PDB file of N, CA and C in Angstrom:
ATOM      1  N   MET A   1      12.166  -5.634 -42.299  1.00  0.00           N
ATOM      2  CA  MET A   1      12.927  -6.813 -41.402  1.00  0.00           C
ATOM      3  C   MET A   1      14.016  -6.094 -40.526  1.00  0.00           C
ATOM      4  N   PRO A   2      14.519  -5.374 -41.058  1.00  0.00           N
ATOM      5  CA  PRO A   2      15.571  -4.917 -40.046  1.00  0.00           C
ATOM      6  C   PRO A   2      14.777  -4.150 -38.772  1.00  0.00           C
ATOM      7  N   THR A   3      13.518  -3.625 -38.967  1.00  0.00           N
ATOM      8  CA  THR A   3      12.531  -3.148 -37.685  1.00  0.00           C
ATOM      9  C   THR A   3      12.308  -3.854 -36.956  1.00  0.00           C
ATOM     10  N   VAL A   4      11.889  -5.485 -37.516  1.00  0.00           N
ATOM     11  CA  VAL A   4      11.416  -6.347 -36.374  1.00  0.00           C
ATOM     12  C   VAL A   4      12.637  -6.608 -35.857  1.00  0.00           C
ATOM     13  N   PHE A   5      13.450  -7.016 -36.414  1.00  0.00           N
ATOM     14  CA  PHE A   5      14.984  -7.407 -35.648  1.00  0.00           C
ATOM     15  C   PHE A   5      15.254  -6.250 -34.445  1.00  0.00           C
ATOM     16  N   CYS A   6      15.155  -4.872 -34.919  1.00  0.00           N
ATOM     17  CA  CYS A   6      15.607  -4.053 -33.766  1.00  0.00           C
ATOM     18  C   CYS A   6      14.587  -4.063 -32.544  1.00  0.00           C
ATOM     19  N   ARG A   7      13.279  -4.288 -32.932  1.00  0.00           N
ATOM     20  CA  ARG A   7      12.543  -4.236 -31.977  1.00  0.00           C
ATOM     21  C   ARG A   7      12.520  -5.360 -30.952  1.00  0.00           C
ATOM     22  N   ILE A   8      12.955  -6.776 -31.414  1.00  0.00           N
ATOM     23  CA  ILE A   8      13.311  -8.164 -30.644  1.00  0.00           C
ATOM     24  C   ILE A   8      14.232  -8.008 -30.007  1.00  0.00           C
ATOM     25  N   CYS A   9      15.319  -7.147 -30.528  1.00  0.00           N
ATOM     26  CA  CYS A   9      16.666  -6.766 -29.687  1.00  0.00           C
ATOM     27  C   CYS A   9      16.458  -6.019 -28.647  1.00  0.00           C
ATOM     28  N   CYS A  10      15.384  -4.912 -28.491  1.00  0.00           N
ATOM     29  CA  CYS A  10      15.030  -4.246 -27.811  1.00  0.00           C
ATOM     30  C   CYS A  10      14.309  -5.049 -26.625  1.00  0.00           C
ATOM     31  N   LEU A  11      13.493  -5.651 -26.998  1.00  0.00           N
ATOM     32  CA  LEU A  11      12.155  -6.139 -26.126  1.00  0.00           C
ATOM     33  C   LEU A  11      13.526  -7.378 -25.296  1.00  0.00           C
ATOM     34  N   LEU A  12      14.445  -7.956 -25.770  1.00  0.00           N
ATOM     35  CA  LEU A  12      15.460  -8.648 -25.355  1.00  0.00           C
ATOM     36  C   LEU A  12      16.118  -8.149 -24.347  1.00  0.00           C
ATOM     37  N   VAL A  13      16.474  -6.969 -24.701  1.00  0.00           N
ATOM     38  CA  VAL A  13      17.276  -5.884 -23.755  1.00  0.00           C
ATOM     39  C   VAL A  13      16.529  -5.389 -22.473  1.00  0.00           C
ATOM     40  N   LEU A  14      15.218  -5.092 -22.826  1.00  0.00           N
ATOM     41  CA  LEU A  14      14.225  -4.873 -21.393  1.00  0.00           C
ATOM     42  C   LEU A  14      14.009  -6.063 -20.688  1.00  0.00           C
ATOM     43  N   ILE A  15      13.700  -7.148 -21.132  1.00  0.00           N
ATOM     44  CA  ILE A  15      13.823  -8.222 -20.522  1.00  0.00           C
ATOM     45  C   ILE A  15      14.685  -8.851 -19.636  1.00  0.00           C
ATOM     46  N   THR A  16      16.053  -8.384 -20.034  1.00  0.00           N
ATOM     47  CA  THR A  16      17.314  -8.724 -19.694  1.00  0.00           C
ATOM     48  C   THR A  16      17.508  -7.996 -18.306  1.00  0.00           C
ATOM     49  N   PHE A  17      17.195  -6.858 -18.331  1.00  0.00           N
ATOM     50  CA  PHE A  17      17.418  -5.572 -17.559  1.00  0.00           C
ATOM     51  C   PHE A  17      16.420  -5.968 -16.172  1.00  0.00           C
ATOM     52  N   ASN A  18      15.420  -5.679 -16.758  1.00  0.00           N
ATOM     53  CA  ASN A  18      14.142  -6.209 -15.737  1.00  0.00           C
ATOM     54  C   ASN A  18      14.023  -7.491 -15.157  1.00  0.00           C
ATOM     55  N   GLY A  19      14.190  -8.229 -15.685  1.00  0.00           N
ATOM     56  CA  GLY A  19      14.211  -9.663 -15.002  1.00  0.00           C
ATOM     57  C   GLY A  19      15.297  -9.576 -13.730  1.00  0.00           C
ATOM     58  N   GLY A  20      16.211  -9.125 -13.799  1.00  0.00           N
ATOM     59  CA  GLY A  20      17.075  -8.914 -12.528  1.00  0.00           C
ATOM     60  C   GLY A  20      16.377  -8.144 -11.208  1.00  0.00           C
ATOM     61  N   SER A  21      15.277  -7.261 -11.758  1.00  0.00           N
ATOM     62  CA  SER A  21      14.779  -6.450 -10.513  1.00  0.00           C
ATOM     63  C   SER A  21      13.638  -7.486 -10.085  1.00  0.00           C
ATOM     64  N   TYR A  22      13.155  -8.675 -10.503  1.00  0.00           N
ATOM     65  CA  TYR A  22      12.174  -9.004 -10.033  1.00  0.00           C
ATOM     66  C   TYR A  22      12.539 -10.182  -8.903  1.00  0.00           C
ATOM     67  N   ALA A  23      14.007 -10.608  -9.157  1.00  0.00           N
ATOM     68  CA  ALA A  23      14.546 -11.686  -8.200  1.00  0.00           C
ATOM     69  C   ALA A  23      14.780 -11.153  -7.170  1.00  0.00           C
ATOM     70  N   ALA A  24      15.330  -9.845  -6.785  1.00  0.00           N
ATOM     71  CA  ALA A  24      15.634  -9.064  -5.630  1.00  0.00           C
ATOM     72  C   ALA A  24      14.333  -9.194  -4.309  1.00  0.00           C
ATOM     73  N   PRO A  25      13.447  -8.668  -4.903  1.00  0.00           N
ATOM     74  CA  PRO A  25      12.165  -8.661  -3.967  1.00  0.00           C
ATOM     75  C   PRO A  25      11.664 -10.072  -3.513  1.00  0.00           C
ATOM     76  N   ALA A  26      11.865 -10.873  -4.223  1.00  0.00           N
ATOM     77  CA  ALA A  26      11.532 -12.336  -3.724  1.00  0.00           C
ATOM     78  C   ALA A  26      12.518 -12.830  -2.618  1.00  0.00           C
ATOM     79  N   HIS A  27      13.720 -12.565  -2.904  1.00  0.00           N
ATOM     80  CA  HIS A  27      14.719 -12.947  -1.979  1.00  0.00           C
ATOM     81  C   HIS A  27      14.559 -11.864  -0.964  1.00  0.00           C
ATOM     82  N   GLU A  28      14.370 -10.864  -1.117  1.00  0.00           N
ATOM     83  CA  GLU A  28      14.298  -9.813  -0.005  1.00  0.00           C
ATOM     84  C   GLU A  28      13.164  -9.804   1.070  1.00  0.00           C
ATOM     85  N   GLN A  29      11.925 -10.268   0.254  1.00  0.00           N
ATOM     86  CA  GLN A  29      10.953 -10.909   1.421  1.00  0.00           C
ATOM     87  C   GLN A  29      11.338 -12.245   2.072  1.00  0.00           C
ATOM     88  N   ASP A  30      12.028 -13.483   1.243  1.00  0.00           N
ATOM     89  CA  ASP A  30      12.368 -14.514   2.313  1.00  0.00           C
ATOM     90  C   ASP A  30      13.145 -13.923   3.504  1.00  0.00           C
ATOM     91  N   GLN A  31      14.096 -13.262   3.152  1.00  0.00           N
ATOM     92  CA  GLN A  31      15.229 -12.528   4.367  1.00  0.00           C
ATOM     93  C   GLN A  31      14.266 -12.128   5.419  1.00  0.00           C
ATOM     94  N   LEU A  32      13.225 -11.109   5.030  1.00  0.00           N
ATOM     95  CA  LEU A  32      12.550 -10.425   6.035  1.00  0.00           C
ATOM     96  C   LEU A  32      11.603 -11.353   6.577  1.00  0.00           C
ATOM     97  N   SER A  33      11.273 -12.188   5.867  1.00  0.00           N
ATOM     98  CA  SER A  33      10.327 -13.438   6.562  1.00  0.00           C
ATOM     99  C   SER A  33      11.101 -13.734   7.745  1.00  0.00           C
ATOM    100  N   LEU A  34      12.277 -14.271   7.021  1.00  0.00           N
ATOM    101  CA  LEU A  34      13.327 -15.283   8.398  1.00  0.00           C
ATOM    102  C   LEU A  34      13.471 -14.272   9.519  1.00  0.00           C
ATOM    103  N   ILE A  35      13.666 -12.867   9.131  1.00  0.00           N
ATOM    104  CA  ILE A  35      13.676 -11.843  10.447  1.00  0.00           C
ATOM    105  C   ILE A  35      12.559 -11.926  11.250  1.00  0.00           C
ATOM    106  N   LEU A  36      11.349 -11.778  10.751  1.00  0.00           N
ATOM    107  CA  LEU A  36      10.296 -12.208  11.607  1.00  0.00           C
ATOM    108  C   LEU A  36      10.271 -13.303  12.422  1.00  0.00           C
ATOM    109  N   GLN A  37      10.751 -14.501  11.949  1.00  0.00           N
ATOM    110  CA  GLN A  37      10.973 -15.657  12.682  1.00  0.00           C
ATOM    111  C   GLN A  37      11.637 -15.470  13.788  1.00  0.00           C
ATOM    112  N   GLN A  38      12.955 -14.544  13.181  1.00  0.00           N
ATOM    113  CA  GLN A  38      14.185 -14.772  14.543  1.00  0.00           C
ATOM    114  C   GLN A  38      13.564 -13.544  15.556  1.00  0.00           C
ATOM    115  N   LEU A  39      12.893 -12.701  15.311  1.00  0.00           N
ATOM    116  CA  LEU A  39      12.446 -11.845  16.126  1.00  0.00           C
ATOM    117  C   LEU A  39      11.491 -12.169  17.178  1.00  0.00           C
ATOM    118  N   ASP A  40      10.314 -13.440  16.652  1.00  0.00           N
ATOM    119  CA  ASP A  40       9.690 -14.069  17.466  1.00  0.00           C
ATOM    120  C   ASP A  40      10.552 -15.227  18.400  1.00  0.00           C
ATOM    121  N   THR A  41      11.488 -15.504  17.989  1.00  0.00           N
ATOM    122  CA  THR A  41      12.296 -16.289  18.777  1.00  0.00           C
ATOM    123  C   THR A  41      13.012 -15.463  20.083  1.00  0.00           C
ATOM    124  N   ILE A  42      13.655 -14.269  19.649  1.00  0.00           N
ATOM    125  CA  ILE A  42      14.066 -13.403  20.372  1.00  0.00           C
ATOM    126  C   ILE A  42      13.342 -12.973  21.442  1.00  0.00           C
ATOM    127  N   GLU A  43      12.027 -12.493  21.245  1.00  0.00           N
ATOM    128  CA  GLU A  43      11.121 -12.291  21.997  1.00  0.00           C
ATOM    129  C   GLU A  43      10.800 -13.375  23.042  1.00  0.00           C
ATOM    130  N   HIS A  44      10.455 -14.373  22.399  1.00  0.00           N
ATOM    131  CA  HIS A  44      10.308 -16.018  23.369  1.00  0.00           C
ATOM    132  C   HIS A  44      11.206 -15.759  24.380  1.00  0.00           C
ATOM    133  N   LEU A  45      12.671 -15.740  23.843  1.00  0.00           N
ATOM    134  CA  LEU A  45      13.869 -15.980  24.634  1.00  0.00           C
ATOM    135  C   LEU A  45      13.658 -14.815  26.125  1.00  0.00           C
ATOM    136  N   ALA A  46      13.395 -13.519  25.318  1.00  0.00           N
ATOM    137  CA  ALA A  46      13.199 -12.380  26.254  1.00  0.00           C
ATOM    138  C   ALA A  46      12.222 -12.798  27.563  1.00  0.00           C
ATOM    139  N   THR A  47      11.107 -13.247  27.061  1.00  0.00           N
ATOM    140  CA  THR A  47      10.086 -13.617  27.992  1.00  0.00           C
ATOM    141  C   THR A  47      10.319 -14.612  28.903  1.00  0.00           C
ATOM    142  N   ARG A  48      11.474 -15.505  28.523  1.00  0.00           N
ATOM    143  CA  ARG A  48      11.517 -16.689  29.284  1.00  0.00           C
ATOM    144  C   ARG A  48      12.579 -16.107  30.237  1.00  0.00           C
ATOM    145  N   ALA A  49      13.472 -15.263  30.113  1.00  0.00           N
ATOM    146  CA  ALA A  49      14.551 -14.628  30.829  1.00  0.00           C
ATOM    147  C   ALA A  49      14.055 -13.690  31.924  1.00  0.00           C
ATOM    148  N   LYS A  50      12.959 -13.146  31.472  1.00  0.00           N
ATOM    149  CA  LYS A  50      12.090 -12.314  32.534  1.00  0.00           C
ATOM    150  C   LYS A  50      11.384 -13.531  33.550  1.00  0.00           C
ATOM    151  N   ILE A  51      11.006 -14.063  33.115  1.00  0.00           N
ATOM    152  CA  ILE A  51      10.262 -14.989  34.201  1.00  0.00           C
ATOM    153  C   ILE A  51      11.240 -15.816  34.852  1.00  0.00           C
ATOM    154  N   ASP A  52      12.375 -15.960  34.184  1.00  0.00           N
ATOM    155  CA  ASP A  52      13.863 -16.604  35.478  1.00  0.00           C
ATOM    156  C   ASP A  52      14.305 -15.904  35.962  1.00  0.00           C
ATOM    157  N   SER A  53      14.123 -14.171  35.864  1.00  0.00           N
ATOM    158  CA  SER A  53      15.020 -13.429  36.675  1.00  0.00           C
ATOM    159  C   SER A  53      14.346 -13.106  38.001  1.00  0.00           C
ATOM    160  N   PRO A  54      15.189 -12.990  38.639  1.00  0.00           N
ATOM    161  CA  PRO A  54      14.932 -12.893  40.214  1.00  0.00           C
ATOM    162  C   PRO A  54      13.770 -11.357  40.269  1.00  0.00           C
ATOM    163  N   THR A  55      12.539 -11.718  41.035  1.00  0.00           N
ATOM    164  CA  THR A  55      11.804 -10.588  40.805  1.00  0.00           C
ATOM    165  C   THR A  55      12.151  -9.558  42.160  1.00  0.00           C
ATOM    166  N   GLU A  56      12.908 -10.216  43.100  1.00  0.00           N
ATOM    167  CA  GLU A  56      13.567  -9.233  44.122  1.00  0.00           C
ATOM    168  C   GLU A  56      15.082  -9.013  44.473  1.00  0.00           C
ATOM    169  N   SER A  57      15.527  -8.333  43.124  1.00  0.00           N
ATOM    170  CA  SER A  57      16.885  -8.524  43.255  1.00  0.00           C
ATOM    171  C   SER A  57      17.299  -7.190  43.828  1.00  0.00           C
ATOM    172  N   PHE A  58      18.495  -7.151  44.348  1.00  0.00           N
ATOM    173  CA  PHE A  58      19.051  -6.257  45.227  1.00  0.00           C
ATOM    174  C   PHE A  58      20.122  -5.569  44.593  1.00  0.00           C
ATOM    175  N   GLU A  59      20.536  -5.957  43.168  1.00  0.00           N
ATOM    176  CA  GLU A  59      21.172  -5.431  42.340  1.00  0.00           C
ATOM    177  C   GLU A  59      20.745  -3.874  41.963  1.00  0.00           C
ATOM    178  N   ARG A  60      22.061  -3.138  41.368  1.00  0.00           N
ATOM    179  CA  ARG A  60      21.726  -1.822  41.418  1.00  0.00           C
ATOM    180  C   ARG A  60      20.943  -1.320  40.163  1.00  0.00           C
ATOM    181  N   TYR A  61      21.322  -2.049  39.191  1.00  0.00           N
ATOM    182  CA  TYR A  61      20.837  -2.333  37.861  1.00  0.00           C
ATOM    183  C   TYR A  61      20.060  -3.494  37.511  1.00  0.00           C
ATOM    184  N   ARG A  62      19.006  -3.318  36.588  1.00  0.00           N
ATOM    185  CA  ARG A  62      18.195  -4.779  35.970  1.00  0.00           C
ATOM    186  C   ARG A  62      18.034  -4.394  34.842  1.00  0.00           C
ATOM    187  N   PHE A  63      17.658  -5.242  33.947  1.00  0.00           N
ATOM    188  CA  PHE A  63      17.441  -5.334  32.454  1.00  0.00           C
ATOM    189  C   PHE A  63      15.998  -5.298  32.151  1.00  0.00           C
ATOM    190  N   ASP A  64      15.753  -4.015  31.284  1.00  0.00           N
ATOM    191  CA  ASP A  64      14.416  -3.710  31.290  1.00  0.00           C
ATOM    192  C   ASP A  64      13.615  -4.302  30.152  1.00  0.00           C
ATOM    193  N   TYR A  65      13.076  -5.677  30.305  1.00  0.00           N
ATOM    194  CA  TYR A  65      12.433  -6.413  29.539  1.00  0.00           C
ATOM    195  C   TYR A  65      11.305  -6.063  28.523  1.00  0.00           C
ATOM    196  N   PRO A  66      10.494  -5.053  29.440  1.00  0.00           N
ATOM    197  CA  PRO A  66       9.480  -4.295  28.955  1.00  0.00           C
ATOM    198  C   PRO A  66       9.627  -3.452  27.676  1.00  0.00           C
ATOM    199  N   ARG A  67      10.677  -2.515  27.778  1.00  0.00           N
ATOM    200  CA  ARG A  67      11.385  -1.722  26.976  1.00  0.00           C
ATOM    201  C   ARG A  67      11.928  -2.557  25.633  1.00  0.00           C
ATOM    202  N   LEU A  68      12.789  -3.744  26.013  1.00  0.00           N
ATOM    203  CA  LEU A  68      12.908  -4.463  24.946  1.00  0.00           C
ATOM    204  C   LEU A  68      11.902  -5.171  23.997  1.00  0.00           C
ATOM    205  N   THR A  69      10.716  -5.690  24.799  1.00  0.00           N
ATOM    206  CA  THR A  69       9.836  -6.237  24.118  1.00  0.00           C
ATOM    207  C   THR A  69       8.837  -4.857  23.145  1.00  0.00           C
ATOM    208  N   GLN A  70       9.129  -3.815  23.631  1.00  0.00           N
ATOM    209  CA  GLN A  70       8.234  -2.714  22.657  1.00  0.00           C
ATOM    210  C   GLN A  70       9.284  -2.344  21.769  1.00  0.00           C
ATOM    211  N   ASP A  71      10.382  -2.393  21.751  1.00  0.00           N
ATOM    212  CA  ASP A  71      11.333  -2.482  20.416  1.00  0.00           C
ATOM    213  C   ASP A  71      11.275  -3.462  19.652  1.00  0.00           C
ATOM    214  N   ILE A  72      11.217  -4.702  19.985  1.00  0.00           N
ATOM    215  CA  ILE A  72      10.987  -5.732  18.902  1.00  0.00           C
ATOM    216  C   ILE A  72       9.877  -5.802  18.572  1.00  0.00           C
ATOM    217  N   GLN A  73       8.621  -5.425  18.983  1.00  0.00           N
ATOM    218  CA  GLN A  73       7.335  -4.930  18.401  1.00  0.00           C
ATOM    219  C   GLN A  73       6.986  -4.053  17.295  1.00  0.00           C
ATOM    220  N   ARG A  74       8.005  -2.854  17.685  1.00  0.00           N
ATOM    221  CA  ARG A  74       8.226  -1.757  16.727  1.00  0.00           C
ATOM    222  C   ARG A  74       9.059  -2.329  15.710  1.00  0.00           C
ATOM    223  N   ILE A  75      10.123  -3.080  15.586  1.00  0.00           N
ATOM    224  CA  ILE A  75      10.882  -3.366  14.417  1.00  0.00           C
ATOM    225  C   ILE A  75       9.966  -4.438  13.415  1.00  0.00           C
ATOM    226  N   ARG A  76       9.149  -5.606  14.352  1.00  0.00           N
ATOM    227  CA  ARG A  76       7.864  -6.525  13.772  1.00  0.00           C
ATOM    228  C   ARG A  76       7.255  -5.818  12.985  1.00  0.00           C
ATOM    229  N   GLN A  77       6.443  -4.784  13.393  1.00  0.00           N
ATOM    230  CA  GLN A  77       5.503  -4.079  12.475  1.00  0.00           C
ATOM    231  C   GLN A  77       6.102  -3.370  11.582  1.00  0.00           C
ATOM    232  N   GLY A  78       7.390  -2.698  11.468  1.00  0.00           N
ATOM    233  CA  GLY A  78       7.691  -1.940  10.608  1.00  0.00           C
ATOM    234  C   GLY A  78       8.364  -2.980   9.470  1.00  0.00           C
ATOM    235  N   VAL A  79       8.681  -4.349   9.913  1.00  0.00           N
ATOM    236  CA  VAL A  79       8.916  -4.977   8.673  1.00  0.00           C
ATOM    237  C   VAL A  79       7.355  -5.602   8.006  1.00  0.00           C
ATOM    238  N   GLN A  80       6.615  -5.717   8.684  1.00  0.00           N
ATOM    239  CA  GLN A  80       5.427  -6.208   8.427  1.00  0.00           C
ATOM    240  C   GLN A  80       4.646  -5.349   7.300  1.00  0.00           C
ATOM    241  N   ASP A  81       4.736  -3.907   8.023  1.00  0.00           N
ATOM    242  CA  ASP A  81       4.450  -2.712   7.310  1.00  0.00           C
ATOM    243  C   ASP A  81       4.994  -2.737   5.685  1.00  0.00           C
ATOM    244  N   TYR A  82       6.389  -3.293   5.962  1.00  0.00           N
ATOM    245  CA  TYR A  82       6.991  -3.052   4.616  1.00  0.00           C
ATOM    246  C   TYR A  82       6.533  -4.414   3.853  1.00  0.00           C
ATOM    247  N   LEU A  83       6.405  -5.553   4.129  1.00  0.00           N
ATOM    248  CA  LEU A  83       6.059  -6.516   3.120  1.00  0.00           C
ATOM    249  C   LEU A  83       4.789  -6.775   2.861  1.00  0.00           C
ATOM    250  N   SER A  84       3.568  -6.081   3.543  1.00  0.00           N
ATOM    251  CA  SER A  84       2.311  -5.828   3.026  1.00  0.00           C
ATOM    252  C   SER A  84       1.640  -4.480   3.379  1.00  0.00           C
ATOM    253  N   PRO A  85       2.117  -3.500   2.523  1.00  0.00           N
ATOM    254  CA  PRO A  85       1.786  -2.029   2.720  1.00  0.00           C
ATOM    255  C   PRO A  85       0.204  -1.917   2.383  1.00  0.00           C
ATOM    256  N   SER A  86      -0.394  -1.061   3.175  1.00  0.00           N
ATOM    257  CA  SER A  86      -2.107  -1.010   2.903  1.00  0.00           C
ATOM    258  C   SER A  86      -2.104   0.247   2.034  1.00  0.00           C
ATOM    259  N   ARG A  87      -1.046   1.016   2.439  1.00  0.00           N
ATOM    260  CA  ARG A  87      -1.352   2.236   1.436  1.00  0.00           C
ATOM    261  C   ARG A  87      -0.173   3.213   1.958  1.00  0.00           C
ATOM    262  N   ALA A  88       0.068   4.527   1.254  1.00  0.00           N
ATOM    263  CA  ALA A  88       1.203   5.144   1.530  1.00  0.00           C
ATOM    264  C   ALA A  88       0.940   5.980   2.929  1.00  0.00           C
ATOM    265  N   GLN A  89       1.734   6.072   3.989  1.00  0.00           N
ATOM    266  CA  GLN A  89       1.510   6.799   5.133  1.00  0.00           C
ATOM    267  C   GLN A  89       2.321   7.294   5.577  1.00  0.00           C
ATOM    268  N   PRO A  90       2.493   8.071   6.729  1.00  0.00           N
ATOM    269  CA  PRO A  90       3.422   8.917   7.008  1.00  0.00           C
ATOM    270  C   PRO A  90       4.367   7.824   7.972  1.00  0.00           C
ATOM    271  N   ARG A  91       6.076   7.861   8.013  1.00  0.00           N
ATOM    272  CA  ARG A  91       6.773   6.859   8.752  1.00  0.00           C
ATOM    273  C   ARG A  91       6.542   7.303  10.280  1.00  0.00           C
ATOM    274  N   ASP A  92       6.676   6.186  10.753  1.00  0.00           N
ATOM    275  CA  ASP A  92       6.906   6.510  12.435  1.00  0.00           C
ATOM    276  C   ASP A  92       8.141   6.812  12.827  1.00  0.00           C
ATOM    277  N   LEU A  93       8.199   8.046  13.301  1.00  0.00           N
ATOM    278  CA  LEU A  93       9.500   8.761  13.583  1.00  0.00           C
ATOM    279  C   LEU A  93      10.098   8.759  14.924  1.00  0.00           C
ATOM    280  N   HIS A  94       9.355   7.814  15.564  1.00  0.00           N
ATOM    281  CA  HIS A  94       9.795   7.531  17.232  1.00  0.00           C
ATOM    282  C   HIS A  94      11.263   6.596  16.687  1.00  0.00           C
ATOM    283  N   GLU A  95      12.199   6.898  17.888  1.00  0.00           N
ATOM    284  CA  GLU A  95      13.318   6.430  17.772  1.00  0.00           C
ATOM    285  C   GLU A  95      13.616   5.391  18.967  1.00  0.00           C
ATOM    286  N   MET A  96      13.989   4.373  18.537  1.00  0.00           N
ATOM    287  CA  MET A  96      14.346   3.372  19.722  1.00  0.00           C
ATOM    288  C   MET A  96      15.427   3.526  20.815  1.00  0.00           C
ATOM    289  N   VAL A  97      15.241   3.591  21.762  1.00  0.00           N
ATOM    290  CA  VAL A  97      16.192   4.145  22.784  1.00  0.00           C
ATOM    291  C   VAL A  97      17.563   2.882  22.949  1.00  0.00           C
ATOM    292  N   GLY A  98      17.542   1.664  23.190  1.00  0.00           N
ATOM    293  CA  GLY A  98      18.631   0.933  23.273  1.00  0.00           C
ATOM    294  C   GLY A  98      19.053   0.800  24.110  1.00  0.00           C
ATOM    295  N   ASP A  99      18.741   1.357  25.429  1.00  0.00           N
ATOM    296  CA  ASP A  99      19.383   1.339  26.564  1.00  0.00           C
ATOM    297  C   ASP A  99      18.290   0.632  27.524  1.00  0.00           C
ATOM    298  N   TYR A 100      18.674  -0.680  27.684  1.00  0.00           N
ATOM    299  CA  TYR A 100      17.597  -1.513  28.211  1.00  0.00           C
ATOM    300  C   TYR A 100      18.438  -1.862  29.928  1.00  0.00           C
ATOM    301  N   ARG A 101      19.077  -0.858  30.586  1.00  0.00           N
ATOM    302  CA  ARG A 101      19.526  -1.023  31.824  1.00  0.00           C
ATOM    303  C   ARG A 101      18.555  -0.099  32.754  1.00  0.00           C
ATOM    304  N   LEU A 102      17.717  -0.570  33.997  1.00  0.00           N
ATOM    305  CA  LEU A 102      17.138   0.220  34.657  1.00  0.00           C
ATOM    306  C   LEU A 102      17.858   0.238  35.946  1.00  0.00           C
ATOM    307  N   ASP A 103      17.603   1.584  36.775  1.00  0.00           N
ATOM    308  CA  ASP A 103      18.153   1.645  38.035  1.00  0.00           C
ATOM    309  C   ASP A 103      17.084   0.881  39.138  1.00  0.00           C
ATOM    310  N   ALA A 104      17.651  -0.076  40.056  1.00  0.00           N
ATOM    311  CA  ALA A 104      16.845  -0.602  40.512  1.00  0.00           C
ATOM    312  C   ALA A 104      16.300   0.579  41.681  1.00  0.00           C
ATOM    313  N   PRO A 105      14.917   0.523  42.201  1.00  0.00           N
ATOM    314  CA  PRO A 105      14.304   1.526  43.021  1.00  0.00           C
ATOM    315  C   PRO A 105      15.152   1.117  44.204  1.00  0.00           C
ATOM    316  N   SER A 106      15.291   2.219  45.261  1.00  0.00           N
ATOM    317  CA  SER A 106      16.412   2.319  46.484  1.00  0.00           C
ATOM    318  C   SER A 106      15.263   1.538  47.428  1.00  0.00           C
ATOM    319  N   THR A 107      15.819   0.576  48.246  1.00  0.00           N
ATOM    320  CA  THR A 107      15.108   0.033  49.160  1.00  0.00           C
ATOM    321  C   THR A 107      15.332   1.142  50.522  1.00  0.00           C
ATOM    322  N   GLU A 108      16.477   1.687  50.837  1.00  0.00           N
ATOM    323  CA  GLU A 108      16.549   2.572  51.731  1.00  0.00           C
ATOM    324  C   GLU A 108      15.530   3.419  51.865  1.00  0.00           C
ATOM    325  N   THR A 109      15.449   3.474  53.439  1.00  0.00           N
ATOM    326  CA  THR A 109      14.379   4.386  53.946  1.00  0.00           C
ATOM    327  C   THR A 109      14.897   5.574  54.428  1.00  0.00           C
ATOM    328  N   SER A 110      14.602   6.839  54.362  1.00  0.00           N
ATOM    329  CA  SER A 110      14.855   7.894  54.823  1.00  0.00           C
ATOM    330  C   SER A 110      14.657   8.294  56.113  1.00  0.00           C
ATOM    331  N   PRO A 111      15.342   8.570  57.148  1.00  0.00           N
ATOM    332  CA  PRO A 111      14.997   8.812  58.566  1.00  0.00           C
ATOM    333  C   PRO A 111      14.098   9.989  58.965  1.00  0.00           C
TER     334      PRO A 111
END
């Protein structure tokens, strides 16, 4: 009889400790899905900002929208790969630049 009691106790302890580990991935998956939705919103806002920005700007610097879009797509792909991995593959070691300022091309002509 004590053997059955010990087995039941061990089983309850294992269920208790393992039960918490199943809650985290579901919560994490919800949070990462929310991040994907927010990335879609950010990309949409960046597209609108690019359309609304003047094409012929005489400012020295302008925002690099294509680079921002590439970084958003890279983050989105990383989150999607984590949420639904196909199989173990090497990680993408490319770093994001994070510098979104472009020098405007010089409009001056040399004599």
